[in-house]
Amino acid sequence: MIAIPEACRDRKWLSVAGATSRPASERSFTIMSYNILCQKLIRRSLFPYASSNSLKWKLRRDLLLGEMSHWKADIMCLQEVEIEYWHKIFAQHFKKLGYDSRLFYSKSKSHGVAVLWKRSKFHIVDEISVHMDVSMNVCDETLQTDNVGLVTALRFGSADSMDCADPYADSVDPEYRIDSGVPASGVQAGTEGIIVSNTHLFWRPDACYERLQQQIAMLAAQREMQERYPGFSLISCGDFNTTPDDAGYALLTKARPVTLNEWQLDNLLPTTMIEEEEPSSDTPISYAEMTTAGTSSESDDTTSKRLRLEEERQAEIDFARDQERVQRLVKLIQADNDPLRSCYGTYADLDESYHTEQWAGEPIYTNYAKWNGTLDYIFYRPGQGLDVRDVMSLPAEERMKPGLPNEVFASDHVALLARFGCA
């Protein structure tokens, strides 16, 4: 008998309140979203509490493979997948366990995102790779952060039984791809399947504007895939680097129109705008006085005040411009996208130890390091035939103190798992 990995011991399936009755003909499947922490991103300064052993790849590799193999999720969405180890370890390991997969990454980074699925349950019919770099434009602005996403269309049924083997089963293409080459015309509208989206958004805490741009890019790719396969249901996974009180979360999940509070709108201002406190002046001077005073005869103090006033006026112009930029994005993300729903959005009702008013039903944390909080999600679009049946409980906080990774949990994030039912 194979021992249960320590990371999985105290976790159990929790039935989601409000789930409808389960018909006998219902199909069910499980899905995982997991940021597995790229080894090349590990720095002692980021994890000062961690033992040396817990940061070594040999232990982390064994823990990750043991945990993911134990859960046996039908679909896995992984973030921070190191390219070297994907080829040497992960792709081969999970192929032996009956999975097909895709990896997509930027050439400027050492890691990417991967989607894996059981060949016995699904086969791929299409994919869209999303490269959020200068080649992409959102609201007439190019993206700069070089993050990536991957949207796959998975049809129910094994490739062998459907006589439609994956033509890309043995390839991992690092190049930017808009279309996988699998013709959309080969699948009839209404065919049952799942559109699986996986992404890892920009990490900087103050970069809410950039993440909103990236969300719009990912939603556009999801919408394009939905138009190709209108009978497929959407699930969107990833490390969104967005807390449940952020504007980005509200704009993804709330009924339209979304009303954002002042704090959320302020956080959405582009990070290129840097506010600095100006020194106070005991002798204010008007702009009219500045312009009428001759520059050749004005004192150094007057010159300084004039320049400061001009800078303040420019700052007001820049602020108004940035507010307009934010409003364009806020309108755009709501215009073409119905709200999503988080599988863990009612987790506080299922596990009292994770309850917090701040996160509005979401867990207290999915990331547990020097900073603890919720950044990871499994979203789905209601009304498309999917019903969340269960979610996997999160580990007890005591097992993660003072922080992750440790010698039980291989990443600074915890794996999220959900079980769906569909007719």
Protein backbone atom coordinates (compact mmCIF):
# COMPACT_ATOMS: atom_id res chain seq x y z
CA MET A 1 0.00 0.00 0.00
CA ILE A 2 1.37 3.41 -1.02
CA ALA A 3 1.74 5.79 1.92
CA ILE A 4 -0.29 9.00 1.85
CA PRO A 5 2.04 12.00 1.45
CA GLU A 6 2.24 14.13 4.58
CA ALA A 7 1.04 17.19 2.64
CA CYS A 8 -2.24 15.37 1.89
CA ARG A 9 -2.97 13.81 5.28
CA ASP A 10 -5.31 16.35 6.87
CA ARG A 11 -7.04 17.46 3.66
CA LYS A 12 -10.47 16.18 2.70
CA TRP A 13 -13.26 16.86 0.23
CA LEU A 14 -15.87 19.35 1.48
CA SER A 15 -19.29 19.42 -0.12
CA VAL A 16 -20.14 22.87 -1.47
CA ALA A 17 -23.34 24.32 -0.05
CA GLY A 18 -26.04 24.87 -2.65
CA ALA A 19 -24.85 22.16 -5.01
CA THR A 20 -27.81 20.64 -6.85
CA SER A 21 -28.78 16.98 -6.64
CA ARG A 22 -26.61 14.63 -8.67
CA PRO A 23 -28.35 12.82 -11.52
CA ALA A 24 -27.28 9.25 -12.21
CA SER A 25 -26.08 10.22 -15.69
CA GLU A 26 -23.84 13.02 -14.42
CA ARG A 27 -20.23 13.17 -15.52
CA SER A 28 -17.74 14.27 -12.91
CA PHE A 29 -14.10 15.28 -12.98
CA THR A 30 -11.55 16.90 -10.70
CA ILE A 31 -9.25 19.82 -11.44
CA MET A 32 -6.19 21.16 -9.62
CA SER A 33 -4.52 24.59 -9.70
CA TYR A 34 -1.06 24.70 -8.16
CA ASN A 35 1.85 27.16 -8.21
CA ILE A 36 4.69 24.70 -7.62
CA LEU A 37 7.44 27.35 -7.03
CA CYS A 38 10.16 27.47 -9.66
CA GLN A 39 13.47 26.34 -8.17
CA LYS A 40 15.37 29.14 -9.90
CA LEU A 41 13.22 31.74 -8.14
CA ILE A 42 14.15 30.53 -4.65
CA ARG A 43 16.27 32.95 -2.63
CA ARG A 44 17.21 32.60 1.03
CA SER A 45 16.03 36.19 1.60
CA LEU A 46 12.53 35.25 0.42
CA PHE A 47 12.28 32.26 2.77
CA PRO A 48 14.49 33.09 5.79
CA TYR A 49 12.49 30.74 8.04
CA ALA A 50 12.93 27.66 5.81
CA SER A 51 15.43 24.90 6.49
CA SER A 52 18.17 24.41 3.93
CA ASN A 53 16.83 20.98 3.09
CA SER A 54 13.31 22.24 2.39
CA LEU A 55 14.68 24.58 -0.30
CA LYS A 56 16.67 21.89 -2.10
CA TRP A 57 15.29 20.59 -5.37
CA LYS A 58 15.74 16.89 -4.52
CA LEU A 59 13.32 17.04 -1.59
CA ARG A 60 10.96 19.46 -3.30
CA ARG A 61 10.82 17.30 -6.44
CA ASP A 62 9.88 14.20 -4.46
CA LEU A 63 7.27 16.07 -2.43
CA LEU A 64 5.67 17.63 -5.52
CA LEU A 65 5.51 14.39 -7.46
CA GLY A 66 4.15 12.54 -4.45
CA GLU A 67 1.44 15.11 -3.74
CA MET A 68 0.24 15.52 -7.33
CA SER A 69 0.35 11.79 -8.00
CA HIS A 70 -1.71 11.16 -4.87
CA TRP A 71 -4.51 13.53 -5.85
CA LYS A 72 -4.74 12.08 -9.37
CA ALA A 73 -6.70 15.11 -10.59
CA ASP A 74 -8.27 14.61 -14.01
CA ILE A 75 -6.99 18.04 -15.06
CA MET A 76 -4.00 19.87 -13.58
CA CYS A 77 -3.09 23.53 -14.09
CA LEU A 78 0.43 24.26 -12.89
CA GLN A 79 2.25 27.57 -12.60
CA GLU A 80 5.98 28.33 -12.19
CA VAL A 81 6.87 25.11 -13.98
CA GLU A 82 10.62 25.20 -14.54
CA ILE A 83 11.35 24.43 -18.18
CA GLU A 84 14.38 22.24 -17.57
CA TYR A 85 12.62 20.07 -15.00
CA TRP A 86 9.48 19.87 -17.10
CA HIS A 87 11.38 18.08 -19.85
CA LYS A 88 13.55 15.99 -17.55
CA ILE A 89 10.97 15.03 -14.93
CA PHE A 90 7.37 16.22 -15.00
CA ALA A 91 6.36 15.51 -18.60
CA GLN A 92 7.82 11.99 -18.51
CA HIS A 93 6.47 11.17 -15.04
CA PHE A 94 2.90 12.17 -15.78
CA LYS A 95 2.91 10.64 -19.26
CA LYS A 96 3.58 7.29 -17.56
CA LEU A 97 0.60 7.98 -15.28
CA GLY A 98 -1.69 8.46 -18.29
CA TYR A 99 -1.60 12.23 -18.82
CA ASP A 100 -1.20 14.32 -21.95
CA SER A 101 -0.03 17.87 -21.47
CA ARG A 102 0.94 21.29 -22.77
CA LEU A 103 3.58 23.72 -21.51
CA PHE A 104 3.86 27.34 -22.60
CA TYR A 105 6.47 29.87 -21.50
CA SER A 106 8.19 33.09 -22.45
CA LYS A 107 11.74 32.87 -23.75
CA SER A 108 12.72 35.55 -21.22
CA LYS A 109 11.74 33.40 -18.23
CA SER A 110 12.88 30.09 -16.79
CA HIS A 111 9.35 28.89 -16.04
CA GLY A 112 5.90 28.71 -17.59
CA VAL A 113 2.39 27.33 -17.19
CA ALA A 114 1.28 23.77 -17.92
CA VAL A 115 -2.07 22.05 -18.42
CA LEU A 116 -2.26 18.28 -17.99
CA TRP A 117 -5.25 15.99 -18.49
CA LYS A 118 -5.97 12.27 -18.22
CA ARG A 119 -6.03 10.62 -21.62
CA SER A 120 -8.73 8.26 -20.39
CA LYS A 121 -11.16 11.17 -19.87
CA PHE A 122 -10.23 13.95 -22.31
CA HIS A 123 -8.49 14.71 -25.55
CA ILE A 124 -7.35 18.11 -26.79
CA VAL A 125 -8.99 19.71 -29.80
CA ASP A 126 -7.58 23.25 -29.71
CA GLU A 127 -5.34 25.65 -27.82
CA ILE A 128 -4.44 29.32 -27.65
CA SER A 129 -1.16 30.52 -26.16
CA VAL A 130 -1.25 34.01 -24.67
CA HIS A 131 2.06 35.89 -24.55
CA MET A 132 1.60 39.12 -22.61
CA ASP A 133 4.55 41.03 -24.02
CA VAL A 134 5.07 43.96 -26.39
CA SER A 135 3.43 42.00 -29.20
CA MET A 136 0.07 42.29 -27.39
CA ASN A 137 -2.09 45.42 -27.28
CA VAL A 138 -4.86 46.22 -24.76
CA CYS A 139 -6.66 49.55 -25.13
CA ASP A 140 -3.90 50.88 -27.39
CA GLU A 141 -1.22 50.05 -24.80
CA THR A 142 1.38 47.33 -25.23
CA LEU A 143 1.98 44.88 -22.39
CA GLN A 144 5.43 44.86 -20.83
CA THR A 145 5.57 42.16 -18.15
CA ASP A 146 6.07 39.07 -20.35
CA ASN A 147 3.69 36.84 -18.41
CA VAL A 148 1.94 34.00 -20.19
CA GLY A 149 -1.30 32.05 -20.26
CA LEU A 150 -2.60 28.94 -21.96
CA VAL A 151 -6.19 28.18 -23.00
CA THR A 152 -7.00 24.60 -24.06
CA ALA A 153 -10.19 23.01 -25.35
CA LEU A 154 -10.60 19.47 -23.99
CA ARG A 155 -13.35 17.22 -25.31
CA PHE A 156 -14.76 14.43 -23.16
CA GLY A 157 -13.66 10.96 -24.23
CA SER A 158 -10.24 9.38 -24.60
CA ALA A 159 -8.25 10.10 -27.71
CA ASP A 160 -7.92 6.36 -28.41
CA SER A 161 -11.64 5.62 -28.18
CA MET A 162 -12.50 8.67 -30.31
CA ASP A 163 -9.82 7.85 -32.92
CA CYS A 164 -8.42 11.37 -32.69
CA ALA A 165 -5.00 11.12 -31.11
CA ASP A 166 -3.37 14.35 -30.03
CA PRO A 167 -1.10 15.43 -32.90
CA TYR A 168 1.09 17.37 -30.45
CA ALA A 169 1.41 14.71 -27.75
CA ASP A 170 5.22 14.58 -27.91
CA SER A 171 5.96 18.25 -28.51
CA VAL A 172 6.36 21.27 -26.29
CA ASP A 173 6.51 24.42 -28.36
CA PRO A 174 8.05 27.46 -26.62
CA GLU A 175 7.12 29.76 -29.47
CA TYR A 176 4.16 32.11 -29.33
CA ARG A 177 1.17 30.37 -30.88
CA ILE A 178 -2.22 31.91 -31.63
CA ASP A 179 -3.68 28.67 -32.97
CA SER A 180 -2.57 25.12 -32.32
CA GLY A 181 -3.17 24.13 -35.92
CA VAL A 182 -6.09 21.88 -35.01
CA PRO A 183 -8.97 23.11 -37.19
CA ALA A 184 -11.98 24.36 -35.26
CA SER A 185 -14.25 23.10 -38.02
CA GLY A 186 -13.44 19.56 -36.94
CA VAL A 187 -15.63 19.94 -33.84
CA GLN A 188 -19.34 20.54 -34.00
CA ALA A 189 -20.96 23.24 -31.91
CA GLY A 190 -22.51 21.82 -28.80
CA THR A 191 -20.02 18.96 -28.35
CA GLU A 192 -19.43 18.50 -24.63
CA GLY A 193 -16.05 19.58 -23.39
CA ILE A 194 -14.15 21.92 -21.09
CA ILE A 195 -12.23 25.07 -21.96
CA VAL A 196 -9.37 25.12 -19.45
CA SER A 197 -7.50 28.39 -18.95
CA ASN A 198 -4.30 28.63 -16.92
CA THR A 199 -2.22 31.73 -16.16
CA HIS A 200 0.24 33.34 -13.77
CA LEU A 201 -0.20 37.11 -13.61
CA PHE A 202 2.37 39.79 -12.76
CA TRP A 203 3.64 39.47 -9.20
CA ARG A 204 4.31 43.05 -8.03
CA PRO A 205 1.73 43.97 -5.33
CA ASP A 206 1.28 47.53 -6.65
CA ALA A 207 0.79 46.44 -10.27
CA CYS A 208 -3.02 46.16 -10.22
CA TYR A 209 -3.30 48.10 -13.49
CA GLU A 210 -0.93 45.72 -15.30
CA ARG A 211 -2.76 42.69 -13.93
CA LEU A 212 -6.08 44.11 -15.11
CA GLN A 213 -4.61 44.42 -18.61
CA GLN A 214 -3.50 40.80 -18.37
CA GLN A 215 -6.93 39.66 -17.18
CA ILE A 216 -8.48 41.32 -20.23
CA ALA A 217 -5.97 39.53 -22.48
CA MET A 218 -6.81 36.17 -20.92
CA LEU A 219 -10.57 36.80 -21.12
CA ALA A 220 -10.21 37.67 -24.80
CA ALA A 221 -8.49 34.33 -25.46
CA GLN A 222 -11.16 32.50 -23.46
CA ARG A 223 -13.90 34.28 -25.39
CA GLU A 224 -12.25 33.38 -28.69
CA MET A 225 -12.13 29.73 -27.67
CA GLN A 226 -15.74 29.87 -26.48
CA GLU A 227 -16.79 31.19 -29.89
CA ARG A 228 -15.04 28.26 -31.55
CA TYR A 229 -16.67 25.76 -29.17
CA PRO A 230 -19.93 27.26 -27.87
CA GLY A 231 -20.96 23.98 -26.25
CA PHE A 232 -17.89 23.81 -24.03
CA SER A 233 -17.85 25.05 -20.41
CA LEU A 234 -15.16 27.41 -19.12
CA ILE A 235 -12.85 26.90 -16.14
CA SER A 236 -10.16 29.50 -15.43
CA CYS A 237 -7.30 28.58 -13.07
CA GLY A 238 -4.13 30.22 -11.96
CA ASP A 239 -2.06 32.32 -9.63
CA PHE A 240 -3.72 35.66 -10.28
CA ASN A 241 -1.59 37.52 -7.70
CA THR A 242 -4.85 39.23 -6.79
CA THR A 243 -6.47 39.24 -3.35
CA PRO A 244 -10.25 38.94 -2.99
CA ASP A 245 -10.60 42.60 -1.99
CA ASP A 246 -8.79 43.84 -5.12
CA ALA A 247 -10.59 45.48 -8.02
CA GLY A 248 -9.39 42.68 -10.30
CA TYR A 249 -11.29 40.07 -8.29
CA ALA A 250 -14.45 42.19 -8.19
CA LEU A 251 -14.33 42.82 -11.93
CA LEU A 252 -14.02 39.09 -12.61
CA THR A 253 -16.74 37.90 -10.25
CA LYS A 254 -19.31 40.61 -9.47
CA ALA A 255 -22.62 41.24 -11.25
CA ARG A 256 -22.47 43.99 -13.85
CA PRO A 257 -22.15 46.93 -13.50
CA VAL A 258 -19.44 46.63 -10.86
CA THR A 259 -19.07 49.47 -8.37
CA LEU A 260 -15.51 49.88 -7.16
CA ASN A 261 -14.66 51.74 -3.97
CA GLU A 262 -12.14 54.57 -3.81
CA TRP A 263 -9.37 52.33 -2.45
CA GLN A 264 -9.81 49.85 -5.31
CA LEU A 265 -9.78 52.61 -7.93
CA ASP A 266 -6.67 54.21 -6.41
CA ASN A 267 -4.88 50.86 -6.48
CA LEU A 268 -5.71 50.50 -10.17
CA LEU A 269 -3.76 53.62 -11.12
CA PRO A 270 -0.75 52.70 -13.29
CA THR A 271 2.42 52.09 -11.33
CA THR A 272 4.30 54.43 -13.68
CA MET A 273 2.75 57.31 -11.74
CA ILE A 274 4.94 58.03 -8.70
CA GLU A 275 3.56 60.35 -6.08
CA GLU A 276 6.03 62.34 -4.00
CA GLU A 277 5.31 64.66 -1.13
CA GLU A 278 6.15 68.24 -2.03
CA PRO A 279 7.68 70.48 0.62
CA SER A 280 5.18 72.86 2.20
CA SER A 281 5.43 76.59 1.53
CA ASP A 282 4.75 79.28 4.10
CA THR A 283 4.27 81.90 1.39
CA PRO A 284 1.90 80.52 -1.29
CA ILE A 285 2.06 82.14 -4.69
CA SER A 286 -0.53 82.04 -7.43
CA TYR A 287 0.03 80.84 -10.97
CA ALA A 288 -0.79 84.33 -12.22
CA GLU A 289 2.00 85.76 -10.06
CA MET A 290 4.34 83.12 -11.41
CA THR A 291 3.65 83.98 -15.03
CA THR A 292 3.76 87.76 -14.58
CA ALA A 293 7.03 87.76 -12.69
CA GLY A 294 9.96 88.22 -15.02
CA THR A 295 12.20 85.20 -14.98
CA SER A 296 15.30 87.38 -15.19
CA SER A 297 14.52 89.25 -12.00
CA GLU A 298 12.69 86.61 -9.94
CA SER A 299 14.37 85.29 -6.84
CA ASP A 300 15.47 81.71 -6.43
CA ASP A 301 12.52 81.18 -4.07
CA THR A 302 10.07 82.49 -6.66
CA THR A 303 11.61 80.33 -9.36
CA SER A 304 11.32 77.26 -7.14
CA LYS A 305 7.66 78.01 -6.42
CA ARG A 306 6.91 78.57 -10.09
CA LEU A 307 8.51 75.29 -11.08
CA ARG A 308 6.71 73.48 -8.29
CA LEU A 309 3.37 74.88 -9.39
CA GLU A 310 4.03 73.82 -12.97
CA GLU A 311 4.91 70.33 -11.75
CA GLU A 312 1.69 70.19 -9.73
CA ARG A 313 -0.34 71.20 -12.76
CA GLN A 314 1.38 68.51 -14.85
CA ALA A 315 0.73 65.97 -12.11
CA GLU A 316 -2.98 66.88 -12.21
CA ILE A 317 -3.01 66.35 -15.99
CA ASP A 318 -1.21 63.00 -15.62
CA PHE A 319 -3.58 61.93 -12.85
CA ALA A 320 -6.65 62.74 -14.96
CA ARG A 321 -5.13 60.84 -17.89
CA ASP A 322 -4.41 57.80 -15.72
CA GLN A 323 -7.95 57.86 -14.35
CA GLU A 324 -9.24 57.74 -17.91
CA ARG A 325 -6.96 54.82 -18.68
CA VAL A 326 -8.32 52.94 -15.67
CA GLN A 327 -11.93 53.65 -16.62
CA ARG A 328 -11.34 52.33 -20.16
CA LEU A 329 -10.11 49.03 -18.75
CA VAL A 330 -12.91 48.83 -16.18
CA LYS A 331 -15.51 49.30 -18.92
CA LEU A 332 -13.81 46.92 -21.32
CA ILE A 333 -13.54 43.99 -18.90
CA GLN A 334 -17.26 44.25 -18.12
CA ALA A 335 -18.49 44.87 -21.67
CA ASP A 336 -17.82 41.47 -23.22
CA ASN A 337 -17.45 39.13 -20.25
CA ASP A 338 -20.08 37.66 -17.97
CA PRO A 339 -18.93 37.27 -14.36
CA LEU A 340 -17.06 34.17 -13.23
CA ARG A 341 -17.57 32.32 -9.95
CA SER A 342 -14.86 31.08 -7.61
CA CYS A 343 -15.04 27.45 -6.51
CA TYR A 344 -13.63 28.48 -3.14
CA GLY A 345 -15.81 31.60 -2.90
CA THR A 346 -17.87 30.11 -0.04
CA TYR A 347 -14.98 28.34 1.68
CA ALA A 348 -15.41 30.40 4.85
CA ASP A 349 -18.80 28.70 5.30
CA LEU A 350 -17.20 25.26 5.01
CA ASP A 351 -14.18 25.75 7.27
CA GLU A 352 -14.60 28.17 10.18
CA SER A 353 -10.86 28.26 10.85
CA TYR A 354 -10.43 30.05 7.51
CA HIS A 355 -13.16 32.61 7.98
CA THR A 356 -12.34 36.29 7.40
CA GLU A 357 -14.63 39.14 6.48
CA GLN A 358 -11.86 40.79 4.49
CA TRP A 359 -11.76 38.01 1.90
CA ALA A 360 -15.57 37.79 1.51
CA GLY A 361 -15.87 34.00 1.66
CA GLU A 362 -12.53 33.02 0.12
CA PRO A 363 -9.90 31.22 2.25
CA ILE A 364 -7.62 33.31 4.41
CA TYR A 365 -4.63 32.21 2.40
CA THR A 366 -3.49 30.07 -0.50
CA ASN A 367 0.04 31.47 -0.25
CA TYR A 368 1.90 31.16 3.06
CA ALA A 369 5.34 32.77 3.19
CA LYS A 370 6.61 36.04 4.66
CA TRP A 371 3.24 37.38 3.44
CA ASN A 372 0.13 35.24 3.82
CA GLY A 373 -2.98 35.66 1.71
CA THR A 374 -5.20 34.38 -1.08
CA LEU A 375 -3.83 34.70 -4.63
CA ASP A 376 -4.88 31.44 -6.32
CA TYR A 377 -8.29 30.57 -7.75
CA ILE A 378 -10.34 28.08 -9.72
CA PHE A 379 -13.02 30.13 -11.49
CA TYR A 380 -15.81 28.86 -13.70
CA ARG A 381 -18.62 30.45 -15.67
CA PRO A 382 -22.09 29.69 -14.25
CA GLY A 383 -24.92 28.71 -16.56
CA GLN A 384 -22.80 26.52 -18.83
CA GLY A 385 -23.79 23.16 -17.39
CA LEU A 386 -21.08 22.89 -14.71
CA ASP A 387 -21.85 22.47 -11.04
CA VAL A 388 -19.17 22.56 -8.32
CA ARG A 389 -19.69 19.54 -6.11
CA ASP A 390 -16.77 19.62 -3.70
CA VAL A 391 -13.59 21.51 -2.91
CA MET A 392 -10.52 20.17 -1.16
CA SER A 393 -9.95 21.52 2.35
CA LEU A 394 -6.82 23.55 2.96
CA PRO A 395 -4.08 22.44 5.36
CA ALA A 396 -4.26 23.43 9.01
CA GLU A 397 -2.34 26.65 9.57
CA GLU A 398 -0.26 25.10 12.35
CA ARG A 399 1.30 22.75 9.79
CA MET A 400 2.52 25.68 7.71
CA LYS A 401 3.95 27.98 10.37
CA PRO A 402 6.24 29.86 10.24
CA GLY A 403 6.03 29.65 6.46
CA LEU A 404 6.25 27.58 3.30
CA PRO A 405 8.00 25.75 1.81
CA ASN A 406 8.89 23.34 4.60
CA GLU A 407 9.79 19.66 4.74
CA VAL A 408 6.17 18.63 4.18
CA PHE A 409 4.90 21.22 1.69
CA ALA A 410 7.12 21.78 -1.35
CA SER A 411 5.81 25.20 -2.46
CA ASP A 412 4.93 28.51 -0.86
CA HIS A 413 1.45 28.02 -2.37
CA VAL A 414 -1.02 25.25 -1.58
CA ALA A 415 -2.76 23.18 -4.22
CA LEU A 416 -6.44 23.94 -4.85
CA LEU A 417 -8.73 21.13 -6.02
CA ALA A 418 -12.38 21.12 -7.07
CA ARG A 419 -14.76 18.40 -8.21
CA PHE A 420 -17.26 19.35 -10.93
CA GLY A 421 -20.35 17.61 -12.16
CA CYS A 422 -21.95 18.15 -15.56
CA ALA A 423 -24.77 16.54 -17.51
